[in-house]
Amino acid sequence: MALMAVLAVVFLFTFHRLTAVDTSPLEVLPAQSGWMPQEHALSRFHVRWYLASIVFLAFDIEMLFMYPWAVIVIERGMSAVVEMFLFLGALLVGVVWAWREGAFRWA
């Protein structure tokens, strides 16, 4: 099995080398739909994007846990509803903090 894995990797690497376009990587960058980058990849972001990411994570994690919760809420009963509201309350603290810090002001 290990030999087959090594042979597969060698084959794929060789196949890629044989079929790859022979140009400079700086001319065929996939970033921004093929446009040349205007700044360095490690440049600093404005602090408002960190706040926006906190809000995104709060809503994203909420949906991540609400889908399986919706499947088992019938069999668990009222305790599942109470647990979900406690969880949503904890996420609401993060959203209120981000709101207070101005994450929803885009100007």
Protein backbone atom coordinates (compact mmCIF):
# COMPACT_ATOMS: atom_id res chain seq x y z
CA MET A 1 0.00 0.00 0.00
CA ALA A 2 2.85 2.37 0.85
CA LEU A 3 4.53 1.57 -2.47
CA MET A 4 1.29 2.35 -4.33
CA ALA A 5 1.00 5.67 -2.48
CA VAL A 6 4.58 6.65 -3.32
CA LEU A 7 4.09 5.65 -6.97
CA ALA A 8 0.87 7.68 -7.17
CA VAL A 9 2.61 10.77 -5.78
CA VAL A 10 5.57 10.38 -8.15
CA PHE A 11 3.22 9.87 -11.12
CA LEU A 12 1.11 12.91 -10.27
CA PHE A 13 4.18 15.09 -9.72
CA THR A 14 5.70 13.97 -13.02
CA PHE A 15 2.42 14.44 -14.86
CA HIS A 16 2.13 17.96 -13.47
CA ARG A 17 5.69 18.81 -14.52
CA LEU A 18 5.05 17.55 -18.05
CA THR A 19 1.77 19.42 -18.55
CA ALA A 20 2.48 22.66 -16.65
CA VAL A 21 2.68 25.96 -18.51
CA ASP A 22 6.27 27.14 -18.62
CA THR A 23 6.02 30.77 -17.48
CA SER A 24 7.12 32.77 -14.51
CA PRO A 25 4.90 32.25 -11.46
CA LEU A 26 4.70 36.02 -11.02
CA GLU A 27 2.98 36.34 -14.41
CA VAL A 28 0.30 33.71 -13.81
CA LEU A 29 -0.76 34.40 -10.23
CA PRO A 30 -4.34 33.32 -9.53
CA ALA A 31 -4.88 36.03 -6.93
CA GLN A 32 -7.61 38.57 -7.66
CA SER A 33 -8.73 36.88 -10.87
CA GLY A 34 -5.28 37.07 -12.44
CA TRP A 35 -4.59 40.72 -11.62
CA MET A 36 -1.14 41.54 -10.35
CA PRO A 37 -1.11 42.07 -6.56
CA GLN A 38 -0.91 45.69 -5.45
CA GLU A 39 0.56 45.00 -2.01
CA HIS A 40 2.59 42.39 -0.21
CA ALA A 41 0.74 39.28 1.00
CA LEU A 42 1.78 39.95 4.60
CA SER A 43 0.68 43.58 4.65
CA ARG A 44 -1.37 44.74 7.61
CA PHE A 45 -5.13 44.95 7.52
CA HIS A 46 -7.24 47.69 9.02
CA VAL A 47 -8.51 46.83 12.49
CA ARG A 48 -12.15 46.98 11.31
CA TRP A 49 -11.62 43.70 9.42
CA TYR A 50 -10.80 41.93 12.67
CA LEU A 51 -14.09 43.12 14.12
CA ALA A 52 -15.91 41.99 11.00
CA SER A 53 -14.30 38.58 11.29
CA ILE A 54 -15.51 38.25 14.89
CA VAL A 55 -19.06 38.99 13.78
CA PHE A 56 -18.73 36.51 10.92
CA LEU A 57 -17.43 33.82 13.25
CA ALA A 58 -20.24 34.45 15.72
CA PHE A 59 -22.90 33.94 13.06
CA ASP A 60 -21.01 31.11 11.36
CA ILE A 61 -20.52 29.11 14.56
CA GLU A 62 -24.16 29.72 15.43
CA MET A 63 -25.29 28.09 12.19
CA LEU A 64 -22.75 25.29 12.57
CA PHE A 65 -24.33 24.20 15.85
CA MET A 66 -27.96 24.97 15.04
CA TYR A 67 -28.25 22.45 12.20
CA PRO A 68 -27.46 19.35 14.29
CA TRP A 69 -29.39 20.85 17.19
CA ALA A 70 -32.50 21.07 15.01
CA VAL A 71 -32.26 17.34 14.38
CA ILE A 72 -32.14 16.30 18.05
CA VAL A 73 -34.26 18.98 19.70
CA ILE A 74 -37.42 16.84 19.55
CA GLU A 75 -35.89 13.89 21.37
CA ARG A 76 -33.99 15.99 23.95
CA GLY A 77 -36.90 18.25 24.84
CA MET A 78 -36.80 21.47 26.80
CA SER A 79 -33.21 20.99 28.01
CA ALA A 80 -31.99 21.28 24.41
CA VAL A 81 -33.92 24.53 23.96
CA VAL A 82 -32.44 25.97 27.16
CA GLU A 83 -28.92 24.93 26.12
CA MET A 84 -29.34 26.55 22.70
CA PHE A 85 -30.51 29.81 24.21
CA LEU A 86 -27.53 29.80 26.57
CA PHE A 87 -25.27 29.23 23.58
CA LEU A 88 -26.95 32.02 21.61
CA GLY A 89 -26.60 34.29 24.64
CA ALA A 90 -22.85 33.65 24.71
CA LEU A 91 -22.62 34.49 21.01
CA LEU A 92 -24.73 37.58 21.56
CA VAL A 93 -22.10 38.86 23.98
CA GLY A 94 -19.54 38.76 21.15
CA VAL A 95 -21.90 40.50 18.73
CA VAL A 96 -22.76 43.24 21.27
CA TRP A 97 -19.06 43.78 21.92
CA ALA A 98 -18.36 44.07 18.20
CA TRP A 99 -21.30 46.45 17.80
CA ARG A 100 -19.98 48.61 20.63
CA GLU A 101 -16.55 48.66 18.97
CA GLY A 102 -18.09 49.82 15.67
CA ALA A 103 -17.89 46.67 13.58
CA PHE A 104 -21.20 47.49 11.88
CA ARG A 105 -20.09 50.97 10.76
CA TRP A 106 -18.59 50.56 7.30
CA ALA A 107 -17.68 54.19 6.66
